Amino acid sequence: MENNAHPRMDRENRAKQFMPFDALKGFREALADKERPIVPKKELSEERKAELDSKLRKIHQLDTITAEYFQDGVYLQVTGEVSGIDEISRVLKIAGMGIPIDDISDLH
């Protein structure tokens, strides 16, 4: 005699019950961030600053560029369309984000 107290579970749902349980959601990601090597921000020479300033002056709205910038102890790159340059707050607006001009280390 077969006991049908519980309906038969399909294979996908049965496999899910054996997956590891992450009691502290986001904890592993936070640990990975802490393990990431922190690099100091590069101090740019006056010549390099002048070169970047010249490149910034040639950028127009809707240009597609790649900007390398410093954020939270790492250098990141973003490529996208320029939506503007706010000269008062010194922010380059690209790919839907604002990058402080003083944190930019390279432009392509």
PDB file of N, CA and C in Angstrom:
ATOM      1  N   MET A   1       0.841  -1.178   0.000  1.00  0.00           N
ATOM      2  CA  MET A   1       0.000   0.000   0.000  1.00  0.00           C
ATOM      3  C   MET A   1       0.889   1.246   0.000  1.00  0.00           C
ATOM      4  N   GLU A   2       0.633   2.158  -0.903  1.00  0.00           N
ATOM      5  CA  GLU A   2       1.442   3.361  -1.078  1.00  0.00           C
ATOM      6  C   GLU A   2       0.851   4.517  -0.272  1.00  0.00           C
ATOM      7  N   ASN A   3       1.745   5.271   0.406  1.00  0.00           N
ATOM      8  CA  ASN A   3       1.319   6.409   1.204  1.00  0.00           C
ATOM      9  C   ASN A   3       1.377   7.665   0.345  1.00  0.00           C
ATOM     10  N   ASN A   4       0.235   8.284   0.071  1.00  0.00           N
ATOM     11  CA  ASN A   4       0.153   9.494  -0.750  1.00  0.00           C
ATOM     12  C   ASN A   4      -0.140  10.726   0.092  1.00  0.00           C
ATOM     13  N   ALA A   5       0.481  10.821   1.258  1.00  0.00           N
ATOM     14  CA  ALA A   5       0.256  11.976   2.127  1.00  0.00           C
ATOM     15  C   ALA A   5       0.804  13.252   1.491  1.00  0.00           C
ATOM     16  N   HIS A   6       1.883  13.145   0.726  1.00  0.00           N
ATOM     17  CA  HIS A   6       2.487  14.303   0.053  1.00  0.00           C
ATOM     18  C   HIS A   6       2.515  14.048  -1.447  1.00  0.00           C
ATOM     19  N   PRO A   7       2.129  15.058  -2.222  1.00  0.00           N
ATOM     20  CA  PRO A   7       2.233  14.869  -3.679  1.00  0.00           C
ATOM     21  C   PRO A   7       3.698  14.764  -4.093  1.00  0.00           C
ATOM     22  N   ARG A   8       3.931  14.070  -5.169  1.00  0.00           N
ATOM     23  CA  ARG A   8       5.289  13.874  -5.656  1.00  0.00           C
ATOM     24  C   ARG A   8       5.865  15.217  -6.124  1.00  0.00           C
ATOM     25  N   MET A   9       7.068  15.537  -5.659  1.00  0.00           N
ATOM     26  CA  MET A   9       7.735  16.795  -5.985  1.00  0.00           C
ATOM     27  C   MET A   9       8.486  16.633  -7.310  1.00  0.00           C
ATOM     28  N   ASP A  10       8.425  17.671  -8.172  1.00  0.00           N
ATOM     29  CA  ASP A  10       9.167  17.567  -9.423  1.00  0.00           C
ATOM     30  C   ASP A  10      10.669  17.677  -9.140  1.00  0.00           C
ATOM     31  N   ARG A  11      11.462  17.299 -10.100  1.00  0.00           N
ATOM     32  CA  ARG A  11      12.914  17.206  -9.926  1.00  0.00           C
ATOM     33  C   ARG A  11      13.559  18.551  -9.540  1.00  0.00           C
ATOM     34  N   GLU A  12      13.119  19.647 -10.177  1.00  0.00           N
ATOM     35  CA  GLU A  12      13.713  20.960  -9.897  1.00  0.00           C
ATOM     36  C   GLU A  12      13.473  21.384  -8.452  1.00  0.00           C
ATOM     37  N   ASN A  13      12.246  21.248  -7.986  1.00  0.00           N
ATOM     38  CA  ASN A  13      11.941  21.631  -6.602  1.00  0.00           C
ATOM     39  C   ASN A  13      12.624  20.711  -5.595  1.00  0.00           C
ATOM     40  N   ARG A  14      12.760  19.456  -5.938  1.00  0.00           N
ATOM     41  CA  ARG A  14      13.438  18.507  -5.051  1.00  0.00           C
ATOM     42  C   ARG A  14      14.913  18.894  -4.915  1.00  0.00           C
ATOM     43  N   ALA A  15      15.531  19.327  -6.015  1.00  0.00           N
ATOM     44  CA  ALA A  15      16.941  19.719  -5.982  1.00  0.00           C
ATOM     45  C   ALA A  15      17.136  20.987  -5.155  1.00  0.00           C
ATOM     46  N   LYS A  16      16.166  21.900  -5.190  1.00  0.00           N
ATOM     47  CA  LYS A  16      16.286  23.152  -4.447  1.00  0.00           C
ATOM     48  C   LYS A  16      16.416  22.935  -2.947  1.00  0.00           C
ATOM     49  N   GLN A  17      15.793  21.894  -2.432  1.00  0.00           N
ATOM     50  CA  GLN A  17      15.844  21.686  -0.984  1.00  0.00           C
ATOM     51  C   GLN A  17      17.231  21.281  -0.501  1.00  0.00           C
ATOM     52  N   PHE A  18      18.100  20.878  -1.417  1.00  0.00           N
ATOM     53  CA  PHE A  18      19.455  20.489  -1.039  1.00  0.00           C
ATOM     54  C   PHE A  18      20.497  21.562  -1.344  1.00  0.00           C
ATOM     55  N   MET A  19      20.039  22.715  -1.839  1.00  0.00           N
ATOM     56  CA  MET A  19      20.962  23.808  -2.121  1.00  0.00           C
ATOM     57  C   MET A  19      21.423  24.430  -0.800  1.00  0.00           C
ATOM     58  N   PRO A  20      22.645  24.986  -0.770  1.00  0.00           N
ATOM     59  CA  PRO A  20      23.126  25.593   0.473  1.00  0.00           C
ATOM     60  C   PRO A  20      22.250  26.776   0.880  1.00  0.00           C
ATOM     61  N   PHE A  21      22.063  26.906   2.169  1.00  0.00           N
ATOM     62  CA  PHE A  21      21.253  27.977   2.720  1.00  0.00           C
ATOM     63  C   PHE A  21      22.162  29.122   3.116  1.00  0.00           C
ATOM     64  N   ASP A  22      21.860  30.314   2.640  1.00  0.00           N
ATOM     65  CA  ASP A  22      22.658  31.505   2.963  1.00  0.00           C
ATOM     66  C   ASP A  22      21.884  32.322   3.995  1.00  0.00           C
ATOM     67  N   ALA A  23      22.152  32.045   5.273  1.00  0.00           N
ATOM     68  CA  ALA A  23      21.419  32.700   6.351  1.00  0.00           C
ATOM     69  C   ALA A  23      21.715  34.198   6.419  1.00  0.00           C
ATOM     70  N   LEU A  24      22.914  34.593   6.036  1.00  0.00           N
ATOM     71  CA  LEU A  24      23.292  36.004   6.078  1.00  0.00           C
ATOM     72  C   LEU A  24      23.398  36.537   4.653  1.00  0.00           C
ATOM     73  N   LYS A  25      22.252  36.879   4.086  1.00  0.00           N
ATOM     74  CA  LYS A  25      22.222  37.364   2.699  1.00  0.00           C
ATOM     75  C   LYS A  25      23.189  38.524   2.527  1.00  0.00           C
ATOM     76  N   GLY A  26      24.040  38.460   1.507  1.00  0.00           N
ATOM     77  CA  GLY A  26      24.980  39.524   1.210  1.00  0.00           C
ATOM     78  C   GLY A  26      26.283  39.442   1.985  1.00  0.00           C
ATOM     79  N   PHE A  27      26.373  38.527   2.950  1.00  0.00           N
ATOM     80  CA  PHE A  27      27.585  38.430   3.771  1.00  0.00           C
ATOM     81  C   PHE A  27      28.786  38.010   2.930  1.00  0.00           C
ATOM     82  N   ARG A  28      28.594  37.033   2.056  1.00  0.00           N
ATOM     83  CA  ARG A  28      29.712  36.576   1.210  1.00  0.00           C
ATOM     84  C   ARG A  28      30.192  37.689   0.285  1.00  0.00           C
ATOM     85  N   GLU A  29      29.261  38.472  -0.248  1.00  0.00           N
ATOM     86  CA  GLU A  29      29.635  39.585  -1.115  1.00  0.00           C
ATOM     87  C   GLU A  29      30.407  40.639  -0.325  1.00  0.00           C
ATOM     88  N   ALA A  30      29.970  40.898   0.911  1.00  0.00           N
ATOM     89  CA  ALA A  30      30.661  41.879   1.751  1.00  0.00           C
ATOM     90  C   ALA A  30      32.079  41.407   2.068  1.00  0.00           C
ATOM     91  N   LEU A  31      32.242  40.115   2.319  1.00  0.00           N
ATOM     92  CA  LEU A  31      33.578  39.568   2.566  1.00  0.00           C
ATOM     93  C   LEU A  31      34.452  39.704   1.330  1.00  0.00           C
ATOM     94  N   ALA A  32      33.884  39.441   0.168  1.00  0.00           N
ATOM     95  CA  ALA A  32      34.644  39.554  -1.080  1.00  0.00           C
ATOM     96  C   ALA A  32      35.101  40.994  -1.288  1.00  0.00           C
ATOM     97  N   ASP A  33      34.235  41.963  -0.950  1.00  0.00           N
ATOM     98  CA  ASP A  33      34.626  43.373  -1.070  1.00  0.00           C
ATOM     99  C   ASP A  33      35.781  43.703  -0.142  1.00  0.00           C
ATOM    100  N   LYS A  34      35.776  43.147   1.060  1.00  0.00           N
ATOM    101  CA  LYS A  34      36.850  43.409   2.030  1.00  0.00           C
ATOM    102  C   LYS A  34      38.161  42.776   1.577  1.00  0.00           C
ATOM    103  N   GLU A  35      38.075  41.668   0.844  1.00  0.00           N
ATOM    104  CA  GLU A  35      39.271  40.976   0.371  1.00  0.00           C
ATOM    105  C   GLU A  35      39.880  41.646  -0.849  1.00  0.00           C
ATOM    106  N   ARG A  36      39.126  42.518  -1.494  1.00  0.00           N
ATOM    107  CA  ARG A  36      39.598  43.224  -2.688  1.00  0.00           C
ATOM    108  C   ARG A  36      40.760  44.134  -2.293  1.00  0.00           C
ATOM    109  N   PRO A  37      41.859  44.077  -3.019  1.00  0.00           N
ATOM    110  CA  PRO A  37      42.996  44.933  -2.664  1.00  0.00           C
ATOM    111  C   PRO A  37      42.664  46.410  -2.874  1.00  0.00           C
ATOM    112  N   ILE A  38      43.012  47.214  -1.898  1.00  0.00           N
ATOM    113  CA  ILE A  38      42.795  48.656  -1.968  1.00  0.00           C
ATOM    114  C   ILE A  38      44.067  49.297  -2.517  1.00  0.00           C
ATOM    115  N   VAL A  39      43.889  50.145  -3.522  1.00  0.00           N
ATOM    116  CA  VAL A  39      45.049  50.828  -4.099  1.00  0.00           C
ATOM    117  C   VAL A  39      44.949  52.312  -3.778  1.00  0.00           C
ATOM    118  N   PRO A  40      46.076  52.964  -3.578  1.00  0.00           N
ATOM    119  CA  PRO A  40      46.022  54.408  -3.319  1.00  0.00           C
ATOM    120  C   PRO A  40      45.694  55.169  -4.604  1.00  0.00           C
ATOM    121  N   LYS A  41      45.088  56.325  -4.433  1.00  0.00           N
ATOM    122  CA  LYS A  41      44.770  57.166  -5.584  1.00  0.00           C
ATOM    123  C   LYS A  41      46.061  57.758  -6.138  1.00  0.00           C
ATOM    124  N   LYS A  42      46.213  57.678  -7.464  1.00  0.00           N
ATOM    125  CA  LYS A  42      47.395  58.226  -8.129  1.00  0.00           C
ATOM    126  C   LYS A  42      47.372  59.749  -8.047  1.00  0.00           C
ATOM    127  N   GLU A  43      48.522  60.326  -7.732  1.00  0.00           N
ATOM    128  CA  GLU A  43      48.646  61.781  -7.757  1.00  0.00           C
ATOM    129  C   GLU A  43      49.101  62.171  -9.164  1.00  0.00           C
ATOM    130  N   LEU A  44      48.259  62.901  -9.877  1.00  0.00           N
ATOM    131  CA  LEU A  44      48.566  63.257 -11.264  1.00  0.00           C
ATOM    132  C   LEU A  44      49.497  64.460 -11.312  1.00  0.00           C
ATOM    133  N   SER A  45      50.427  64.415 -12.261  1.00  0.00           N
ATOM    134  CA  SER A  45      51.341  65.548 -12.461  1.00  0.00           C
ATOM    135  C   SER A  45      50.559  66.717 -13.062  1.00  0.00           C
ATOM    136  N   GLU A  46      51.126  67.894 -13.003  1.00  0.00           N
ATOM    137  CA  GLU A  46      50.477  69.072 -13.583  1.00  0.00           C
ATOM    138  C   GLU A  46      50.288  68.904 -15.088  1.00  0.00           C
ATOM    139  N   GLU A  47      51.262  68.259 -15.752  1.00  0.00           N
ATOM    140  CA  GLU A  47      51.153  68.025 -17.199  1.00  0.00           C
ATOM    141  C   GLU A  47      49.981  67.092 -17.497  1.00  0.00           C
ATOM    142  N   ARG A  48      49.847  66.049 -16.684  1.00  0.00           N
ATOM    143  CA  ARG A  48      48.758  65.083 -16.892  1.00  0.00           C
ATOM    144  C   ARG A  48      47.404  65.755 -16.646  1.00  0.00           C
ATOM    145  N   LYS A  49      47.337  66.596 -15.616  1.00  0.00           N
ATOM    146  CA  LYS A  49      46.095  67.320 -15.332  1.00  0.00           C
ATOM    147  C   LYS A  49      45.732  68.230 -16.500  1.00  0.00           C
ATOM    148  N   ALA A  50      46.726  68.903 -17.073  1.00  0.00           N
ATOM    149  CA  ALA A  50      46.490  69.785 -18.218  1.00  0.00           C
ATOM    150  C   ALA A  50      46.016  68.978 -19.425  1.00  0.00           C
ATOM    151  N   GLU A  51      46.594  67.790 -19.627  1.00  0.00           N
ATOM    152  CA  GLU A  51      46.192  66.920 -20.745  1.00  0.00           C
ATOM    153  C   GLU A  51      44.743  66.469 -20.576  1.00  0.00           C
ATOM    154  N   LEU A  52      44.361  66.064 -19.366  1.00  0.00           N
ATOM    155  CA  LEU A  52      42.976  65.642 -19.116  1.00  0.00           C
ATOM    156  C   LEU A  52      42.014  66.809 -19.277  1.00  0.00           C
ATOM    157  N   ASP A  53      42.417  67.987 -18.831  1.00  0.00           N
ATOM    158  CA  ASP A  53      41.591  69.184 -18.976  1.00  0.00           C
ATOM    159  C   ASP A  53      41.346  69.479 -20.458  1.00  0.00           C
ATOM    160  N   SER A  54      42.397  69.334 -21.262  1.00  0.00           N
ATOM    161  CA  SER A  54      42.269  69.543 -22.703  1.00  0.00           C
ATOM    162  C   SER A  54      41.299  68.533 -23.320  1.00  0.00           C
ATOM    163  N   LYS A  55      41.412  67.277 -22.908  1.00  0.00           N
ATOM    164  CA  LYS A  55      40.497  66.239 -23.415  1.00  0.00           C
ATOM    165  C   LYS A  55      39.059  66.537 -23.004  1.00  0.00           C
ATOM    166  N   LEU A  56      38.863  66.978 -21.762  1.00  0.00           N
ATOM    167  CA  LEU A  56      37.515  67.301 -21.284  1.00  0.00           C
ATOM    168  C   LEU A  56      36.889  68.420 -22.108  1.00  0.00           C
ATOM    169  N   ARG A  57      37.685  69.408 -22.471  1.00  0.00           N
ATOM    170  CA  ARG A  57      37.170  70.550 -23.245  1.00  0.00           C
ATOM    171  C   ARG A  57      36.735  70.132 -24.656  1.00  0.00           C
ATOM    172  N   LYS A  58      37.279  69.043 -25.173  1.00  0.00           N
ATOM    173  CA  LYS A  58      36.934  68.570 -26.518  1.00  0.00           C
ATOM    174  C   LYS A  58      35.724  67.642 -26.525  1.00  0.00           C
ATOM    175  N   ILE A  59      35.277  67.221 -25.337  1.00  0.00           N
ATOM    176  CA  ILE A  59      34.142  66.297 -25.237  1.00  0.00           C
ATOM    177  C   ILE A  59      32.837  67.075 -25.388  1.00  0.00           C
ATOM    178  N   HIS A  60      31.928  66.502 -26.186  1.00  0.00           N
ATOM    179  CA  HIS A  60      30.620  67.115 -26.392  1.00  0.00           C
ATOM    180  C   HIS A  60      29.528  66.132 -25.964  1.00  0.00           C
ATOM    181  N   GLN A  61      28.372  66.675 -25.702  1.00  0.00           N
ATOM    182  CA  GLN A  61      27.218  65.848 -25.362  1.00  0.00           C
ATOM    183  C   GLN A  61      26.973  64.858 -26.496  1.00  0.00           C
ATOM    184  N   LEU A  62      26.647  63.634 -26.127  1.00  0.00           N
ATOM    185  CA  LEU A  62      26.366  62.497 -27.016  1.00  0.00           C
ATOM    186  C   LEU A  62      27.625  61.828 -27.569  1.00  0.00           C
ATOM    187  N   ASP A  63      28.833  62.343 -27.259  1.00  0.00           N
ATOM    188  CA  ASP A  63      30.068  61.627 -27.612  1.00  0.00           C
ATOM    189  C   ASP A  63      30.121  60.328 -26.803  1.00  0.00           C
ATOM    190  N   THR A  64      30.683  59.294 -27.377  1.00  0.00           N
ATOM    191  CA  THR A  64      30.904  58.046 -26.645  1.00  0.00           C
ATOM    192  C   THR A  64      32.366  58.000 -26.241  1.00  0.00           C
ATOM    193  N   ILE A  65      32.611  57.897 -24.939  1.00  0.00           N
ATOM    194  CA  ILE A  65      33.981  57.903 -24.422  1.00  0.00           C
ATOM    195  C   ILE A  65      34.149  56.802 -23.370  1.00  0.00           C
ATOM    196  N   THR A  66      35.403  56.542 -23.024  1.00  0.00           N
ATOM    197  CA  THR A  66      35.735  55.665 -21.901  1.00  0.00           C
ATOM    198  C   THR A  66      36.469  56.513 -20.879  1.00  0.00           C
ATOM    199  N   ALA A  67      35.985  56.459 -19.652  1.00  0.00           N
ATOM    200  CA  ALA A  67      36.617  57.206 -18.565  1.00  0.00           C
ATOM    201  C   ALA A  67      37.138  56.222 -17.529  1.00  0.00           C
ATOM    202  N   GLU A  68      38.390  56.412 -17.127  1.00  0.00           N
ATOM    203  CA  GLU A  68      38.947  55.642 -16.019  1.00  0.00           C
ATOM    204  C   GLU A  68      38.927  56.567 -14.810  1.00  0.00           C
ATOM    205  N   TYR A  69      38.417  56.056 -13.686  1.00  0.00           N
ATOM    206  CA  TYR A  69      38.287  56.911 -12.507  1.00  0.00           C
ATOM    207  C   TYR A  69      38.501  56.111 -11.225  1.00  0.00           C
ATOM    208  N   PHE A  70      38.790  56.815 -10.161  1.00  0.00           N
ATOM    209  CA  PHE A  70      39.067  56.226  -8.853  1.00  0.00           C
ATOM    210  C   PHE A  70      37.808  56.301  -7.994  1.00  0.00           C
ATOM    211  N   GLN A  71      37.445  55.149  -7.393  1.00  0.00           N
ATOM    212  CA  GLN A  71      36.278  55.120  -6.510  1.00  0.00           C
ATOM    213  C   GLN A  71      36.448  54.015  -5.484  1.00  0.00           C
ATOM    214  N   ASP A  72      36.337  54.352  -4.226  1.00  0.00           N
ATOM    215  CA  ASP A  72      36.372  53.376  -3.127  1.00  0.00           C
ATOM    216  C   ASP A  72      37.596  52.465  -3.157  1.00  0.00           C
ATOM    217  N   GLY A  73      38.765  53.028  -3.431  1.00  0.00           N
ATOM    218  CA  GLY A  73      40.001  52.258  -3.363  1.00  0.00           C
ATOM    219  C   GLY A  73      40.330  51.426  -4.586  1.00  0.00           C
ATOM    220  N   VAL A  74      39.599  51.592  -5.681  1.00  0.00           N
ATOM    221  CA  VAL A  74      39.896  50.869  -6.927  1.00  0.00           C
ATOM    222  C   VAL A  74      39.712  51.811  -8.111  1.00  0.00           C
ATOM    223  N   TYR A  75      40.366  51.466  -9.206  1.00  0.00           N
ATOM    224  CA  TYR A  75      40.183  52.195 -10.457  1.00  0.00           C
ATOM    225  C   TYR A  75      39.182  51.432 -11.302  1.00  0.00           C
ATOM    226  N   LEU A  76      38.186  52.142 -11.798  1.00  0.00           N
ATOM    227  CA  LEU A  76      37.126  51.555 -12.613  1.00  0.00           C
ATOM    228  C   LEU A  76      37.107  52.233 -13.971  1.00  0.00           C
ATOM    229  N   GLN A  77      36.503  51.561 -14.943  1.00  0.00           N
ATOM    230  CA  GLN A  77      36.321  52.149 -16.267  1.00  0.00           C
ATOM    231  C   GLN A  77      34.857  52.069 -16.635  1.00  0.00           C
ATOM    232  N   VAL A  78      34.381  53.109 -17.279  1.00  0.00           N
ATOM    233  CA  VAL A  78      33.025  53.102 -17.801  1.00  0.00           C
ATOM    234  C   VAL A  78      33.073  53.671 -19.216  1.00  0.00           C
ATOM    235  N   THR A  79      32.347  53.017 -20.113  1.00  0.00           N
ATOM    236  CA  THR A  79      32.231  53.488 -21.488  1.00  0.00           C
ATOM    237  C   THR A  79      30.770  53.804 -21.733  1.00  0.00           C
ATOM    238  N   GLY A  80      30.525  54.963 -22.291  1.00  0.00           N
ATOM    239  CA  GLY A  80      29.142  55.316 -22.572  1.00  0.00           C
ATOM    240  C   GLY A  80      29.034  56.675 -23.205  1.00  0.00           C
ATOM    241  N   GLU A  81      27.794  57.078 -23.377  1.00  0.00           N
ATOM    242  CA  GLU A  81      27.478  58.339 -24.015  1.00  0.00           C
ATOM    243  C   GLU A  81      27.499  59.459 -22.978  1.00  0.00           C
ATOM    244  N   VAL A  82      28.134  60.555 -23.326  1.00  0.00           N
ATOM    245  CA  VAL A  82      28.213  61.709 -22.437  1.00  0.00           C
ATOM    246  C   VAL A  82      26.875  62.447 -22.476  1.00  0.00           C
ATOM    247  N   SER A  83      26.299  62.657 -21.283  1.00  0.00           N
ATOM    248  CA  SER A  83      25.055  63.424 -21.231  1.00  0.00           C
ATOM    249  C   SER A  83      25.308  64.857 -20.783  1.00  0.00           C
ATOM    250  N   GLY A  84      26.548  65.139 -20.364  1.00  0.00           N
ATOM    251  CA  GLY A  84      26.878  66.513 -20.010  1.00  0.00           C
ATOM    252  C   GLY A  84      28.062  66.605 -19.081  1.00  0.00           C
ATOM    253  N   ILE A  85      28.555  67.829 -18.921  1.00  0.00           N
ATOM    254  CA  ILE A  85      29.621  68.123 -17.969  1.00  0.00           C
ATOM    255  C   ILE A  85      29.135  69.285 -17.119  1.00  0.00           C
ATOM    256  N   ASP A  86      29.022  69.035 -15.812  1.00  0.00           N
ATOM    257  CA  ASP A  86      28.610  70.080 -14.889  1.00  0.00           C
ATOM    258  C   ASP A  86      29.875  70.755 -14.368  1.00  0.00           C
ATOM    259  N   GLU A  87      30.166  71.926 -14.909  1.00  0.00           N
ATOM    260  CA  GLU A  87      31.407  72.619 -14.552  1.00  0.00           C
ATOM    261  C   GLU A  87      31.357  73.210 -13.150  1.00  0.00           C
ATOM    262  N   ILE A  88      30.176  73.506 -12.642  1.00  0.00           N
ATOM    263  CA  ILE A  88      30.056  74.075 -11.299  1.00  0.00           C
ATOM    264  C   ILE A  88      30.369  73.021 -10.245  1.00  0.00           C
ATOM    265  N   SER A  89      29.730  71.839 -10.348  1.00  0.00           N
ATOM    266  CA  SER A  89      29.996  70.783  -9.366  1.00  0.00           C
ATOM    267  C   SER A  89      31.141  69.870  -9.815  1.00  0.00           C
ATOM    268  N   ARG A  90      31.708  70.145 -10.992  1.00  0.00           N
ATOM    269  CA  ARG A  90      32.853  69.401 -11.536  1.00  0.00           C
ATOM    270  C   ARG A  90      32.550  67.906 -11.643  1.00  0.00           C
ATOM    271  N   VAL A  91      31.492  67.590 -12.405  1.00  0.00           N
ATOM    272  CA  VAL A  91      31.058  66.205 -12.594  1.00  0.00           C
ATOM    273  C   VAL A  91      30.873  65.926 -14.081  1.00  0.00           C
ATOM    274  N   LEU A  92      31.442  64.804 -14.536  1.00  0.00           N
ATOM    275  CA  LEU A  92      31.234  64.313 -15.897  1.00  0.00           C
ATOM    276  C   LEU A  92      30.071  63.335 -15.845  1.00  0.00           C
ATOM    277  N   LYS A  93      29.042  63.584 -16.634  1.00  0.00           N
ATOM    278  CA  LYS A  93      27.871  62.709 -16.654  1.00  0.00           C
ATOM    279  C   LYS A  93      27.970  61.800 -17.867  1.00  0.00           C
ATOM    280  N   ILE A  94      28.130  60.510 -17.569  1.00  0.00           N
ATOM    281  CA  ILE A  94      28.322  59.514 -18.633  1.00  0.00           C
ATOM    282  C   ILE A  94      27.614  58.218 -18.242  1.00  0.00           C
ATOM    283  N   ALA A  95      26.955  57.619 -19.202  1.00  0.00           N
ATOM    284  CA  ALA A  95      26.289  56.327 -19.021  1.00  0.00           C
ATOM    285  C   ALA A  95      25.361  56.333 -17.806  1.00  0.00           C
ATOM    286  N   GLY A  96      24.650  57.444 -17.602  1.00  0.00           N
ATOM    287  CA  GLY A  96      23.689  57.512 -16.515  1.00  0.00           C
ATOM    288  C   GLY A  96      24.277  57.694 -15.132  1.00  0.00           C
ATOM    289  N   MET A  97      25.557  58.011 -15.042  1.00  0.00           N
ATOM    290  CA  MET A  97      26.178  58.221 -13.736  1.00  0.00           C
ATOM    291  C   MET A  97      27.013  59.488 -13.755  1.00  0.00           C
ATOM    292  N   GLY A  98      27.309  60.004 -12.581  1.00  0.00           N
ATOM    293  CA  GLY A  98      28.134  61.195 -12.462  1.00  0.00           C
ATOM    294  C   GLY A  98      29.487  60.829 -11.885  1.00  0.00           C
ATOM    295  N   ILE A  99      30.550  61.216 -12.560  1.00  0.00           N
ATOM    296  CA  ILE A  99      31.908  60.923 -12.118  1.00  0.00           C
ATOM    297  C   ILE A  99      32.587  62.245 -11.767  1.00  0.00           C
ATOM    298  N   PRO A 100      33.037  62.393 -10.518  1.00  0.00           N
ATOM    299  CA  PRO A 100      33.756  63.619 -10.167  1.00  0.00           C
ATOM    300  C   PRO A 100      34.989  63.797 -11.053  1.00  0.00           C
ATOM    301  N   ILE A 101      35.125  64.954 -11.639  1.00  0.00           N
ATOM    302  CA  ILE A 101      36.234  65.223 -12.558  1.00  0.00           C
ATOM    303  C   ILE A 101      37.584  65.015 -11.869  1.00  0.00           C
ATOM    304  N   ASP A 102      37.661  65.346 -10.584  1.00  0.00           N
ATOM    305  CA  ASP A 102      38.924  65.188  -9.857  1.00  0.00           C
ATOM    306  C   ASP A 102      39.318  63.727  -9.646  1.00  0.00           C
ATOM    307  N   ASP A 103      38.383  62.794  -9.858  1.00  0.00           N
ATOM    308  CA  ASP A 103      38.684  61.362  -9.704  1.00  0.00           C
ATOM    309  C   ASP A 103      39.041  60.690 -11.031  1.00  0.00           C
ATOM    310  N   ILE A 104      38.949  61.425 -12.131  1.00  0.00           N
ATOM    311  CA  ILE A 104      39.243  60.859 -13.454  1.00  0.00           C
ATOM    312  C   ILE A 104      40.756  60.787 -13.640  1.00  0.00           C
ATOM    313  N   SER A 105      41.243  59.616 -14.083  1.00  0.00           N
ATOM    314  CA  SER A 105      42.669  59.449 -14.319  1.00  0.00           C
ATOM    315  C   SER A 105      42.999  59.310 -15.803  1.00  0.00           C
ATOM    316  N   ASP A 106      41.973  58.996 -16.638  1.00  0.00           N
ATOM    317  CA  ASP A 106      42.210  58.873 -18.073  1.00  0.00           C
ATOM    318  C   ASP A 106      40.909  58.975 -18.829  1.00  0.00           C
ATOM    319  N   LEU A 107      40.982  59.463 -20.049  1.00  0.00           N
ATOM    320  CA  LEU A 107      39.832  59.570 -20.959  1.00  0.00           C
ATOM    321  C   LEU A 107      40.242  59.077 -22.326  1.00  0.00           C
ATOM    322  N   HIS A 108      39.367  58.309 -22.960  1.00  0.00           N
ATOM    323  CA  HIS A 108      39.615  57.815 -24.328  1.00  0.00           C
ATOM    324  C   HIS A 108      38.400  58.134 -25.178  1.00  0.00           C
TER     325      HIS A 108
END
